[in-house]
Amino acid sequence: MRDLRICFVGDSYVNGSGDETGLGWTGRLCARRISGDLRLTRYDLGIRGETTDQIGARWQSECTPRLPEGADNRVVLQFGINDVAVITGQGRHVAPEASLASAAELVSAAAAAYPTLWVGLPPANVACSPMHPSAGLEISFRQEDAIALNGAFKDLAAKLGIAYLDIQTPLLGDTAYLDSLTRGDRMHPDGEGYARITDLVDAWPAWSDWFEV
């Protein structure tokens, strides 16, 4: 039986925060691929509020013990939405050039160690801005910042030769997804929104190819 182990590394969208089912898109995605001849292990390594540099600092130490020698080990990355958050009184959380530098280091290192896929950042939740994710912290989002970073990440992926899935563009035109951002915890999509992300990733040839090996 094939022993496929996948670490999903990223922020709250990897974690599935706000989903009333607790599955997020990674849980739904893997549930669709479970079969009798596949031992599929999913590791959720998403941490709320983390920026690209923070994820880059921890990914290897968290993946290494979960991806043992002899298994079919893979990594899926998603990050960036917290980089574009505007913190009241402080400004943008991470400058664009810093986001790109951290992303290049993270993605290159992951791809050198394991087969790696990169899922792009989602649309910014402008409808519910400003938000208060924790006591004393207020953040807002501008859609144009998220669009710009998504485009820069897409260009970087092409330069590095890493498969990148732009989920932002189709989701911005998806009324059901945008409506899902105003429900649940009003910071993330609810279950319906995560299901829309799942559909996009599940239809991605780069993801499907992992199950044809």
N, C-alpha and C. Protein backbone atom coordinates (compact mmCIF):
# COMPACT_ATOMS: atom_id res chain seq x y z
N MET A 1 0.84 -1.19 0.00
CA MET A 1 0.00 0.00 0.00
C MET A 1 0.88 1.25 0.00
N ARG A 2 0.56 2.20 -0.86
CA ARG A 2 1.34 3.42 -0.96
C ARG A 2 1.18 4.27 0.31
N ASP A 3 2.28 4.71 0.87
CA ASP A 3 2.30 5.50 2.10
C ASP A 3 2.56 6.96 1.73
N LEU A 4 1.50 7.69 1.43
CA LEU A 4 1.61 9.09 1.00
C LEU A 4 1.39 10.01 2.19
N ARG A 5 2.36 10.86 2.47
CA ARG A 5 2.27 11.79 3.59
C ARG A 5 2.44 13.21 3.07
N ILE A 6 1.50 14.07 3.42
CA ILE A 6 1.50 15.43 2.90
C ILE A 6 1.44 16.42 4.06
N CYS A 7 2.42 17.31 4.11
CA CYS A 7 2.39 18.41 5.07
C CYS A 7 1.81 19.64 4.36
N PHE A 8 0.72 20.15 4.89
CA PHE A 8 0.14 21.40 4.41
C PHE A 8 0.64 22.51 5.34
N VAL A 9 1.46 23.39 4.82
CA VAL A 9 2.15 24.38 5.64
C VAL A 9 1.65 25.78 5.29
N GLY A 10 1.29 26.55 6.31
CA GLY A 10 0.84 27.90 6.03
C GLY A 10 0.20 28.58 7.21
N ASP A 11 -0.85 29.36 6.90
CA ASP A 11 -1.49 30.21 7.90
C ASP A 11 -2.89 29.69 8.24
N SER A 12 -3.78 30.61 8.61
CA SER A 12 -5.12 30.21 9.05
C SER A 12 -5.96 29.57 7.96
N TYR A 13 -5.65 29.88 6.69
CA TYR A 13 -6.42 29.27 5.61
C TYR A 13 -6.04 27.81 5.44
N VAL A 14 -4.81 27.45 5.71
CA VAL A 14 -4.42 26.04 5.76
C VAL A 14 -5.08 25.38 6.96
N ASN A 15 -5.13 26.08 8.06
CA ASN A 15 -5.74 25.55 9.28
C ASN A 15 -7.24 25.37 9.16
N GLY A 16 -7.88 26.12 8.27
CA GLY A 16 -9.33 26.03 8.13
C GLY A 16 -10.08 26.85 9.15
N SER A 17 -9.45 27.87 9.67
CA SER A 17 -10.09 28.73 10.67
C SER A 17 -11.40 29.30 10.12
N GLY A 18 -12.42 29.31 10.96
CA GLY A 18 -13.72 29.84 10.57
C GLY A 18 -14.67 28.82 9.99
N ASP A 19 -14.18 27.61 9.70
CA ASP A 19 -15.02 26.57 9.11
C ASP A 19 -15.76 25.84 10.22
N GLU A 20 -17.07 25.88 10.18
CA GLU A 20 -17.87 25.25 11.23
C GLU A 20 -17.74 23.73 11.25
N THR A 21 -17.24 23.14 10.16
CA THR A 21 -17.05 21.68 10.14
C THR A 21 -15.68 21.27 10.65
N GLY A 22 -14.76 22.22 10.74
CA GLY A 22 -13.41 21.91 11.18
C GLY A 22 -12.54 21.27 10.13
N LEU A 23 -13.01 21.19 8.89
CA LEU A 23 -12.27 20.50 7.83
C LEU A 23 -11.37 21.42 7.02
N GLY A 24 -11.83 22.66 6.80
CA GLY A 24 -11.08 23.55 5.92
C GLY A 24 -10.97 22.96 4.52
N TRP A 25 -10.10 23.56 3.70
CA TRP A 25 -9.96 23.00 2.36
C TRP A 25 -9.03 21.80 2.32
N THR A 26 -8.07 21.74 3.23
CA THR A 26 -7.14 20.61 3.21
C THR A 26 -7.81 19.31 3.64
N GLY A 27 -8.69 19.38 4.63
CA GLY A 27 -9.40 18.18 5.06
C GLY A 27 -10.35 17.68 4.00
N ARG A 28 -11.09 18.58 3.39
CA ARG A 28 -12.00 18.19 2.31
C ARG A 28 -11.23 17.61 1.13
N LEU A 29 -10.10 18.24 0.82
CA LEU A 29 -9.31 17.82 -0.33
C LEU A 29 -8.81 16.39 -0.17
N CYS A 30 -8.26 16.09 0.98
CA CYS A 30 -7.71 14.75 1.19
C CYS A 30 -8.81 13.71 1.32
N ALA A 31 -9.96 14.09 1.87
CA ALA A 31 -11.07 13.15 1.98
C ALA A 31 -11.51 12.64 0.61
N ARG A 32 -11.37 13.46 -0.40
CA ARG A 32 -11.76 13.07 -1.76
C ARG A 32 -10.78 12.08 -2.39
N ARG A 33 -9.60 11.95 -1.80
CA ARG A 33 -8.56 11.12 -2.41
C ARG A 33 -8.30 9.82 -1.66
N ILE A 34 -8.95 9.61 -0.56
CA ILE A 34 -8.74 8.39 0.21
C ILE A 34 -9.30 7.20 -0.56
N SER A 35 -8.50 6.13 -0.64
CA SER A 35 -8.93 4.92 -1.33
C SER A 35 -8.32 3.70 -0.65
N GLY A 36 -8.76 2.54 -1.06
CA GLY A 36 -8.32 1.31 -0.40
C GLY A 36 -6.86 0.97 -0.62
N ASP A 37 -6.24 1.50 -1.67
CA ASP A 37 -4.84 1.18 -1.93
C ASP A 37 -3.91 2.34 -1.62
N LEU A 38 -4.41 3.32 -0.85
CA LEU A 38 -3.62 4.49 -0.51
C LEU A 38 -3.73 4.78 0.98
N ARG A 39 -2.58 4.78 1.64
CA ARG A 39 -2.53 5.21 3.04
C ARG A 39 -2.13 6.69 3.01
N LEU A 40 -3.12 7.56 3.14
CA LEU A 40 -2.90 9.00 3.03
C LEU A 40 -2.90 9.65 4.41
N THR A 41 -1.79 10.29 4.75
CA THR A 41 -1.66 10.99 6.03
C THR A 41 -1.54 12.48 5.75
N ARG A 42 -2.47 13.25 6.33
CA ARG A 42 -2.48 14.71 6.15
C ARG A 42 -2.03 15.38 7.44
N TYR A 43 -1.06 16.26 7.32
CA TYR A 43 -0.61 17.05 8.47
C TYR A 43 -0.99 18.51 8.26
N ASP A 44 -1.80 19.05 9.16
CA ASP A 44 -2.21 20.45 9.11
C ASP A 44 -1.20 21.26 9.90
N LEU A 45 -0.38 22.02 9.20
CA LEU A 45 0.64 22.84 9.84
C LEU A 45 0.37 24.32 9.58
N GLY A 46 -0.90 24.69 9.72
CA GLY A 46 -1.30 26.08 9.57
C GLY A 46 -1.38 26.77 10.92
N ILE A 47 -0.85 27.97 11.01
CA ILE A 47 -0.90 28.76 12.24
C ILE A 47 -1.51 30.12 11.93
N ARG A 48 -2.54 30.46 12.67
CA ARG A 48 -3.24 31.72 12.45
C ARG A 48 -2.31 32.92 12.65
N GLY A 49 -2.45 33.88 11.76
CA GLY A 49 -1.74 35.14 11.90
C GLY A 49 -0.31 35.16 11.41
N GLU A 50 0.22 34.00 11.00
CA GLU A 50 1.63 33.98 10.63
C GLU A 50 1.88 34.57 9.24
N THR A 51 3.00 35.24 9.13
CA THR A 51 3.44 35.83 7.87
C THR A 51 4.41 34.88 7.17
N THR A 52 4.77 35.21 5.96
CA THR A 52 5.63 34.34 5.17
C THR A 52 6.95 34.05 5.86
N ASP A 53 7.58 35.05 6.44
CA ASP A 53 8.86 34.82 7.11
C ASP A 53 8.72 33.92 8.33
N GLN A 54 7.61 34.04 9.05
CA GLN A 54 7.40 33.18 10.22
C GLN A 54 7.20 31.73 9.81
N ILE A 55 6.47 31.53 8.73
CA ILE A 55 6.25 30.18 8.23
C ILE A 55 7.56 29.59 7.71
N GLY A 56 8.35 30.43 7.04
CA GLY A 56 9.63 29.98 6.54
C GLY A 56 10.58 29.55 7.64
N ALA A 57 10.46 30.18 8.80
CA ALA A 57 11.37 29.88 9.91
C ALA A 57 11.07 28.53 10.57
N ARG A 58 9.85 28.03 10.40
CA ARG A 58 9.48 26.81 11.14
C ARG A 58 9.20 25.61 10.26
N TRP A 59 8.99 25.78 8.95
CA TRP A 59 8.44 24.70 8.14
C TRP A 59 9.29 23.43 8.20
N GLN A 60 10.61 23.60 8.14
CA GLN A 60 11.46 22.41 8.05
C GLN A 60 11.47 21.61 9.35
N SER A 61 11.53 22.29 10.48
CA SER A 61 11.55 21.58 11.76
C SER A 61 10.23 20.86 12.03
N GLU A 62 9.14 21.35 11.45
CA GLU A 62 7.85 20.71 11.64
C GLU A 62 7.61 19.59 10.63
N CYS A 63 8.12 19.76 9.42
CA CYS A 63 7.91 18.74 8.39
C CYS A 63 8.82 17.52 8.58
N THR A 64 10.06 17.75 8.97
CA THR A 64 11.04 16.67 9.02
C THR A 64 10.58 15.47 9.84
N PRO A 65 10.07 15.63 11.07
CA PRO A 65 9.65 14.45 11.82
C PRO A 65 8.37 13.80 11.29
N ARG A 66 7.62 14.52 10.47
CA ARG A 66 6.36 13.98 9.94
C ARG A 66 6.54 13.30 8.58
N LEU A 67 7.71 13.51 7.98
CA LEU A 67 7.98 12.97 6.65
C LEU A 67 9.20 12.07 6.72
N PRO A 68 9.03 10.84 7.22
CA PRO A 68 10.17 9.95 7.45
C PRO A 68 10.71 9.34 6.17
N GLU A 69 11.96 8.98 6.21
CA GLU A 69 12.58 8.31 5.08
C GLU A 69 11.82 7.02 4.76
N GLY A 70 11.59 6.79 3.49
CA GLY A 70 10.88 5.58 3.07
C GLY A 70 9.43 5.82 2.71
N ALA A 71 8.86 6.92 3.18
CA ALA A 71 7.48 7.27 2.82
C ALA A 71 7.50 8.13 1.56
N ASP A 72 6.32 8.25 0.94
CA ASP A 72 6.15 9.13 -0.22
C ASP A 72 5.77 10.51 0.32
N ASN A 73 6.74 11.36 0.48
CA ASN A 73 6.58 12.61 1.22
C ASN A 73 6.38 13.80 0.30
N ARG A 74 5.41 14.65 0.63
CA ARG A 74 5.06 15.81 -0.19
C ARG A 74 4.77 17.02 0.71
N VAL A 75 4.84 18.23 0.11
CA VAL A 75 4.55 19.47 0.84
C VAL A 75 3.65 20.35 -0.03
N VAL A 76 2.63 20.94 0.58
CA VAL A 76 1.78 21.94 -0.05
C VAL A 76 1.87 23.22 0.78
N LEU A 77 2.16 24.32 0.13
CA LEU A 77 2.34 25.61 0.81
C LEU A 77 1.21 26.57 0.47
N GLN A 78 0.80 27.37 1.44
CA GLN A 78 -0.10 28.50 1.20
C GLN A 78 0.17 29.56 2.27
N PHE A 79 0.43 30.77 1.83
CA PHE A 79 0.77 31.85 2.76
C PHE A 79 0.62 33.19 2.06
N GLY A 80 0.76 34.27 2.81
CA GLY A 80 0.82 35.60 2.22
C GLY A 80 -0.29 36.56 2.62
N ILE A 81 -1.46 36.03 2.99
CA ILE A 81 -2.56 36.95 3.27
C ILE A 81 -2.26 37.82 4.50
N ASN A 82 -1.55 37.29 5.48
CA ASN A 82 -1.23 38.09 6.66
C ASN A 82 -0.16 39.14 6.36
N ASP A 83 0.63 38.91 5.33
CA ASP A 83 1.65 39.91 4.96
C ASP A 83 1.00 41.23 4.56
N VAL A 84 -0.16 41.16 3.91
CA VAL A 84 -0.79 42.37 3.38
C VAL A 84 -1.73 43.04 4.37
N ALA A 85 -1.88 42.46 5.55
CA ALA A 85 -2.72 43.09 6.57
C ALA A 85 -2.16 44.46 6.95
N VAL A 86 -3.05 45.42 7.11
CA VAL A 86 -2.65 46.76 7.56
C VAL A 86 -3.01 46.87 9.03
N ILE A 87 -2.00 47.01 9.86
CA ILE A 87 -2.21 47.09 11.31
C ILE A 87 -2.46 48.55 11.68
N THR A 88 -3.59 48.80 12.32
CA THR A 88 -3.94 50.17 12.69
C THR A 88 -2.84 50.79 13.54
N GLY A 89 -2.37 51.95 13.12
CA GLY A 89 -1.32 52.65 13.84
C GLY A 89 0.08 52.26 13.46
N GLN A 90 0.22 51.20 12.63
CA GLN A 90 1.56 50.72 12.27
C GLN A 90 1.79 50.62 10.77
N GLY A 91 0.74 50.38 10.00
CA GLY A 91 0.90 50.22 8.57
C GLY A 91 0.92 48.76 8.15
N ARG A 92 1.33 48.53 6.93
CA ARG A 92 1.33 47.17 6.37
C ARG A 92 2.24 46.26 7.18
N HIS A 93 1.75 45.04 7.41
CA HIS A 93 2.47 44.09 8.27
C HIS A 93 3.84 43.75 7.70
N VAL A 94 3.90 43.41 6.40
CA VAL A 94 5.17 43.04 5.76
C VAL A 94 5.28 43.76 4.42
N ALA A 95 6.39 44.39 4.18
CA ALA A 95 6.61 45.10 2.92
C ALA A 95 6.64 44.10 1.76
N PRO A 96 6.18 44.51 0.58
CA PRO A 96 6.13 43.58 -0.56
C PRO A 96 7.46 42.92 -0.88
N GLU A 97 8.54 43.69 -0.86
CA GLU A 97 9.85 43.12 -1.19
C GLU A 97 10.29 42.08 -0.16
N ALA A 98 9.92 42.29 1.10
CA ALA A 98 10.25 41.32 2.14
C ALA A 98 9.44 40.04 1.97
N SER A 99 8.16 40.19 1.60
CA SER A 99 7.33 39.01 1.34
C SER A 99 7.92 38.16 0.22
N LEU A 100 8.34 38.81 -0.85
CA LEU A 100 8.91 38.08 -1.99
C LEU A 100 10.21 37.38 -1.62
N ALA A 101 11.06 38.06 -0.87
CA ALA A 101 12.33 37.45 -0.48
C ALA A 101 12.10 36.23 0.41
N SER A 102 11.17 36.35 1.36
CA SER A 102 10.88 35.22 2.25
C SER A 102 10.24 34.07 1.48
N ALA A 103 9.35 34.41 0.54
CA ALA A 103 8.69 33.38 -0.26
C ALA A 103 9.70 32.63 -1.12
N ALA A 104 10.62 33.34 -1.73
CA ALA A 104 11.63 32.69 -2.57
C ALA A 104 12.47 31.72 -1.76
N GLU A 105 12.87 32.12 -0.57
CA GLU A 105 13.68 31.25 0.29
C GLU A 105 12.89 30.03 0.73
N LEU A 106 11.64 30.24 1.16
CA LEU A 106 10.80 29.15 1.65
C LEU A 106 10.49 28.14 0.56
N VAL A 107 9.99 28.63 -0.57
CA VAL A 107 9.57 27.73 -1.64
C VAL A 107 10.76 26.98 -2.23
N SER A 108 11.86 27.66 -2.41
CA SER A 108 13.06 27.00 -2.96
C SER A 108 13.55 25.89 -2.04
N ALA A 109 13.57 26.15 -0.75
CA ALA A 109 14.04 25.15 0.20
C ALA A 109 13.10 23.95 0.26
N ALA A 110 11.80 24.21 0.27
CA ALA A 110 10.84 23.11 0.32
C ALA A 110 10.93 22.25 -0.93
N ALA A 111 11.02 22.90 -2.10
CA ALA A 111 11.06 22.17 -3.36
C ALA A 111 12.36 21.37 -3.51
N ALA A 112 13.43 21.83 -2.87
CA ALA A 112 14.69 21.10 -2.93
C ALA A 112 14.64 19.83 -2.07
N ALA A 113 13.76 19.83 -1.07
CA ALA A 113 13.68 18.70 -0.14
C ALA A 113 12.58 17.71 -0.49
N TYR A 114 11.44 18.21 -1.03
CA TYR A 114 10.28 17.35 -1.29
C TYR A 114 9.55 17.83 -2.54
N PRO A 115 8.79 16.96 -3.20
CA PRO A 115 7.86 17.46 -4.21
C PRO A 115 6.92 18.48 -3.55
N THR A 116 6.82 19.65 -4.14
CA THR A 116 6.14 20.77 -3.49
C THR A 116 5.18 21.45 -4.45
N LEU A 117 4.00 21.79 -3.94
CA LEU A 117 3.02 22.59 -4.65
C LEU A 117 2.76 23.87 -3.87
N TRP A 118 2.44 24.93 -4.59
CA TRP A 118 2.21 26.24 -3.97
C TRP A 118 0.82 26.72 -4.35
N VAL A 119 -0.05 26.83 -3.35
CA VAL A 119 -1.40 27.36 -3.54
C VAL A 119 -1.37 28.84 -3.17
N GLY A 120 -1.86 29.68 -4.05
CA GLY A 120 -1.78 31.12 -3.85
C GLY A 120 -2.68 31.64 -2.73
N LEU A 121 -2.41 32.87 -2.34
CA LEU A 121 -3.21 33.47 -1.29
C LEU A 121 -4.63 33.79 -1.78
N PRO A 122 -5.62 33.72 -0.90
CA PRO A 122 -7.00 33.98 -1.27
C PRO A 122 -7.28 35.48 -1.37
N PRO A 123 -8.50 35.85 -1.77
CA PRO A 123 -8.88 37.26 -1.73
C PRO A 123 -8.82 37.80 -0.31
N ALA A 124 -8.58 39.08 -0.19
CA ALA A 124 -8.63 39.73 1.12
C ALA A 124 -10.08 39.89 1.56
N ASN A 125 -10.31 39.73 2.85
CA ASN A 125 -11.67 39.91 3.37
C ASN A 125 -11.91 41.39 3.67
N VAL A 126 -12.19 42.11 2.62
CA VAL A 126 -12.42 43.56 2.74
C VAL A 126 -13.75 43.83 3.42
N ALA A 127 -14.73 42.97 3.16
CA ALA A 127 -16.10 43.21 3.66
C ALA A 127 -16.16 43.30 5.17
N CYS A 128 -15.28 42.57 5.86
CA CYS A 128 -15.32 42.55 7.32
C CYS A 128 -14.20 43.36 7.96
N SER A 129 -13.50 44.14 7.18
CA SER A 129 -12.45 45.00 7.74
C SER A 129 -13.08 46.28 8.31
N PRO A 130 -12.55 46.80 9.43
CA PRO A 130 -11.41 46.27 10.19
C PRO A 130 -11.82 45.10 11.08
N MET A 131 -10.85 44.26 11.39
CA MET A 131 -11.06 43.08 12.22
C MET A 131 -10.27 43.21 13.51
N HIS A 132 -10.67 42.42 14.50
CA HIS A 132 -9.98 42.42 15.80
C HIS A 132 -9.66 40.97 16.17
N PRO A 133 -8.60 40.40 15.57
CA PRO A 133 -8.28 38.99 15.80
C PRO A 133 -7.83 38.67 17.21
N SER A 134 -7.34 39.66 17.93
CA SER A 134 -6.94 39.46 19.32
C SER A 134 -7.04 40.79 20.05
N ALA A 135 -7.00 40.73 21.36
CA ALA A 135 -7.15 41.93 22.18
C ALA A 135 -6.07 42.96 21.83
N GLY A 136 -6.53 44.18 21.56
CA GLY A 136 -5.60 45.27 21.29
C GLY A 136 -5.05 45.31 19.88
N LEU A 137 -5.52 44.40 19.02
CA LEU A 137 -5.03 44.36 17.64
C LEU A 137 -6.17 44.62 16.67
N GLU A 138 -6.01 45.59 15.80
CA GLU A 138 -6.99 45.88 14.76
C GLU A 138 -6.28 45.85 13.41
N ILE A 139 -6.83 45.09 12.47
CA ILE A 139 -6.24 44.99 11.14
C ILE A 139 -7.29 45.23 10.07
N SER A 140 -6.83 45.69 8.93
CA SER A 140 -7.69 45.90 7.77
C SER A 140 -6.99 45.33 6.54
N PHE A 141 -7.78 45.14 5.49
CA PHE A 141 -7.23 44.62 4.24
C PHE A 141 -7.66 45.48 3.06
N ARG A 142 -6.75 45.60 2.10
CA ARG A 142 -7.05 46.25 0.83
C ARG A 142 -6.91 45.19 -0.27
N GLN A 143 -7.96 45.06 -1.08
CA GLN A 143 -7.93 44.02 -2.10
C GLN A 143 -6.78 44.21 -3.08
N GLU A 144 -6.46 45.47 -3.39
CA GLU A 144 -5.40 45.71 -4.35
C GLU A 144 -4.05 45.20 -3.88
N ASP A 145 -3.83 45.21 -2.56
CA ASP A 145 -2.58 44.68 -2.02
C ASP A 145 -2.51 43.16 -2.19
N ALA A 146 -3.63 42.49 -1.93
CA ALA A 146 -3.66 41.03 -2.09
C ALA A 146 -3.49 40.65 -3.55
N ILE A 147 -4.13 41.39 -4.45
CA ILE A 147 -4.00 41.11 -5.88
C ILE A 147 -2.56 41.28 -6.34
N ALA A 148 -1.92 42.34 -5.88
CA ALA A 148 -0.53 42.60 -6.28
C ALA A 148 0.40 41.50 -5.77
N LEU A 149 0.23 41.06 -4.53
CA LEU A 149 1.10 40.02 -4.00
C LEU A 149 0.86 38.69 -4.69
N ASN A 150 -0.39 38.40 -4.99
CA ASN A 150 -0.70 37.17 -5.73
C ASN A 150 0.00 37.16 -7.09
N GLY A 151 -0.04 38.29 -7.79
CA GLY A 151 0.64 38.38 -9.07
C GLY A 151 2.15 38.22 -8.95
N ALA A 152 2.71 38.82 -7.91
CA ALA A 152 4.15 38.71 -7.69
C ALA A 152 4.55 37.29 -7.33
N PHE A 153 3.73 36.62 -6.52
CA PHE A 153 4.00 35.22 -6.18
C PHE A 153 3.91 34.33 -7.42
N LYS A 154 2.92 34.61 -8.25
CA LYS A 154 2.76 33.81 -9.48
C LYS A 154 3.98 33.96 -10.39
N ASP A 155 4.48 35.17 -10.53
CA ASP A 155 5.68 35.40 -11.33
C ASP A 155 6.90 34.71 -10.72
N LEU A 156 7.00 34.78 -9.40
CA LEU A 156 8.12 34.13 -8.71
C LEU A 156 8.09 32.62 -8.91
N ALA A 157 6.90 32.03 -8.80
CA ALA A 157 6.77 30.59 -9.00
C ALA A 157 7.22 30.18 -10.40
N ALA A 158 6.82 30.96 -11.39
CA ALA A 158 7.23 30.66 -12.76
C ALA A 158 8.75 30.73 -12.90
N LYS A 159 9.36 31.72 -12.26
CA LYS A 159 10.81 31.87 -12.31
C LYS A 159 11.51 30.70 -11.65
N LEU A 160 10.92 30.20 -10.55
CA LEU A 160 11.54 29.11 -9.81
C LEU A 160 11.18 27.73 -10.37
N GLY A 161 10.21 27.70 -11.29
CA GLY A 161 9.77 26.43 -11.85
C GLY A 161 8.92 25.61 -10.90
N ILE A 162 8.15 26.29 -10.03
CA ILE A 162 7.29 25.64 -9.05
C ILE A 162 5.83 25.80 -9.47
N ALA A 163 5.05 24.73 -9.41
CA ALA A 163 3.63 24.81 -9.77
C ALA A 163 2.90 25.72 -8.78
N TYR A 164 2.17 26.70 -9.31
CA TYR A 164 1.45 27.68 -8.50
C TYR A 164 -0.01 27.72 -8.95
N LEU A 165 -0.91 27.63 -7.99
CA LEU A 165 -2.33 27.71 -8.30
C LEU A 165 -2.88 29.05 -7.84
N ASP A 166 -3.32 29.84 -8.80
CA ASP A 166 -3.96 31.13 -8.51
C ASP A 166 -5.43 30.85 -8.17
N ILE A 167 -5.75 30.85 -6.87
CA ILE A 167 -7.15 30.68 -6.47
C ILE A 167 -7.83 32.03 -6.32
N GLN A 168 -7.04 33.08 -6.19
CA GLN A 168 -7.60 34.40 -5.91
C GLN A 168 -8.46 34.92 -7.05
N THR A 169 -7.95 34.83 -8.27
CA THR A 169 -8.68 35.38 -9.41
C THR A 169 -10.06 34.76 -9.57
N PRO A 170 -10.19 33.41 -9.60
CA PRO A 170 -11.54 32.86 -9.72
C PRO A 170 -12.43 33.14 -8.50
N LEU A 171 -11.85 33.19 -7.31
CA LEU A 171 -12.66 33.43 -6.11
C LEU A 171 -13.19 34.86 -6.06
N LEU A 172 -12.43 35.80 -6.62
CA LEU A 172 -12.92 37.18 -6.65
C LEU A 172 -14.16 37.32 -7.51
N GLY A 173 -14.35 36.41 -8.46
CA GLY A 173 -15.54 36.43 -9.30
C GLY A 173 -16.62 35.46 -8.85
N ASP A 174 -16.43 34.88 -7.67
CA ASP A 174 -17.35 33.86 -7.15
C ASP A 174 -18.20 34.48 -6.03
N THR A 175 -19.44 34.82 -6.33
CA THR A 175 -20.31 35.48 -5.36
C THR A 175 -20.51 34.63 -4.11
N ALA A 176 -20.66 33.33 -4.30
CA ALA A 176 -20.87 32.44 -3.15
C ALA A 176 -19.67 32.46 -2.22
N TYR A 177 -18.47 32.50 -2.79
CA TYR A 177 -17.28 32.56 -1.94
C TYR A 177 -17.23 33.89 -1.19
N LEU A 178 -17.43 34.98 -1.89
CA LEU A 178 -17.36 36.28 -1.24
C LEU A 178 -18.42 36.41 -0.15
N ASP A 179 -19.59 35.83 -0.36
CA ASP A 179 -20.62 35.84 0.68
C ASP A 179 -20.17 35.04 1.90
N SER A 180 -19.41 33.98 1.66
CA SER A 180 -18.97 33.12 2.77
C SER A 180 -18.03 33.86 3.72
N LEU A 181 -17.39 34.91 3.25
CA LEU A 181 -16.47 35.68 4.09
C LEU A 181 -17.19 36.49 5.15
N THR A 182 -18.48 36.73 4.96
CA THR A 182 -19.24 37.55 5.90
C THR A 182 -19.96 36.71 6.95
N ARG A 183 -19.76 35.40 6.87
CA ARG A 183 -20.38 34.50 7.86
C ARG A 183 -19.29 33.91 8.76
N GLY A 184 -19.68 32.99 9.60
CA GLY A 184 -18.69 32.34 10.47
C GLY A 184 -18.04 33.32 11.41
N ASP A 185 -16.71 33.31 11.45
CA ASP A 185 -16.01 34.19 12.40
C ASP A 185 -15.77 35.59 11.82
N ARG A 186 -16.23 35.85 10.61
CA ARG A 186 -16.12 37.14 9.94
C ARG A 186 -14.67 37.59 9.74
N MET A 187 -13.79 36.62 9.72
CA MET A 187 -12.41 36.88 9.31
C MET A 187 -11.99 35.93 8.20
N HIS A 188 -12.62 34.76 8.16
CA HIS A 188 -12.31 33.71 7.19
C HIS A 188 -13.61 33.22 6.56
N PRO A 189 -13.53 32.45 5.49
CA PRO A 189 -14.75 31.87 4.93
C PRO A 189 -15.34 30.82 5.86
N ASP A 190 -16.61 30.55 5.70
CA ASP A 190 -17.22 29.43 6.41
C ASP A 190 -17.00 28.17 5.59
N GLY A 191 -17.68 27.09 5.95
CA GLY A 191 -17.47 25.82 5.27
C GLY A 191 -17.73 25.88 3.79
N GLU A 192 -18.75 26.63 3.38
CA GLU A 192 -19.06 26.72 1.96
C GLU A 192 -17.90 27.38 1.20
N GLY A 193 -17.30 28.39 1.80
CA GLY A 193 -16.18 29.04 1.16
C GLY A 193 -14.98 28.12 1.01
N TYR A 194 -14.68 27.37 2.07
CA TYR A 194 -13.58 26.41 1.98
C TYR A 194 -13.86 25.32 0.95
N ALA A 195 -15.13 24.96 0.79
CA ALA A 195 -15.48 23.98 -0.23
C ALA A 195 -15.18 24.51 -1.63
N ARG A 196 -15.35 25.82 -1.83
CA ARG A 196 -15.05 26.42 -3.13
C ARG A 196 -13.53 26.37 -3.41
N ILE A 197 -12.74 26.60 -2.36
CA ILE A 197 -11.29 26.47 -2.52
C ILE A 197 -10.93 25.03 -2.83
N THR A 198 -11.56 24.10 -2.13
CA THR A 198 -11.31 22.67 -2.37
C THR A 198 -11.53 22.31 -3.82
N ASP A 199 -12.63 22.79 -4.39
CA ASP A 199 -12.94 22.47 -5.79
C ASP A 199 -11.83 22.93 -6.73
N LEU A 200 -11.29 24.12 -6.46
CA LEU A 200 -10.23 24.65 -7.32
C LEU A 200 -8.95 23.81 -7.21
N VAL A 201 -8.57 23.46 -5.99
CA VAL A 201 -7.34 22.68 -5.83
C VAL A 201 -7.52 21.26 -6.36
N ASP A 202 -8.68 20.67 -6.12
CA ASP A 202 -8.91 19.30 -6.55
C ASP A 202 -8.90 19.16 -8.07
N ALA A 203 -9.27 20.23 -8.77
CA ALA A 203 -9.28 20.21 -10.24
C ALA A 203 -7.93 20.58 -10.85
N TRP A 204 -6.97 20.90 -10.03
CA TRP A 204 -5.64 21.33 -10.48
C TRP A 204 -4.84 20.12 -10.95
N PRO A 205 -4.40 20.09 -12.20
CA PRO A 205 -3.64 18.95 -12.69
C PRO A 205 -2.39 18.64 -11.87
N ALA A 206 -1.72 19.66 -11.37
CA ALA A 206 -0.49 19.42 -10.58
C ALA A 206 -0.80 18.63 -9.32
N TRP A 207 -1.95 18.86 -8.71
CA TRP A 207 -2.38 18.09 -7.54
C TRP A 207 -2.82 16.69 -7.96
N SER A 208 -3.63 16.60 -8.99
CA SER A 208 -4.13 15.29 -9.45
C SER A 208 -3.01 14.36 -9.85
N ASP A 209 -1.94 14.93 -10.42
CA ASP A 209 -0.81 14.12 -10.86
C ASP A 209 -0.16 13.37 -9.71
N TRP A 210 -0.24 13.90 -8.50
CA TRP A 210 0.36 13.21 -7.36
C TRP A 210 -0.31 11.85 -7.11
N PHE A 211 -1.51 11.70 -7.56
CA PHE A 211 -2.26 10.47 -7.30
C PHE A 211 -2.25 9.51 -8.49
N GLU A 212 -1.48 9.88 -9.51
CA GLU A 212 -1.33 9.01 -10.68
C GLU A 212 0.02 8.30 -10.65
N VAL A 213 0.86 8.62 -9.69
CA VAL A 213 2.20 8.04 -9.62
C VAL A 213 2.13 6.57 -9.22
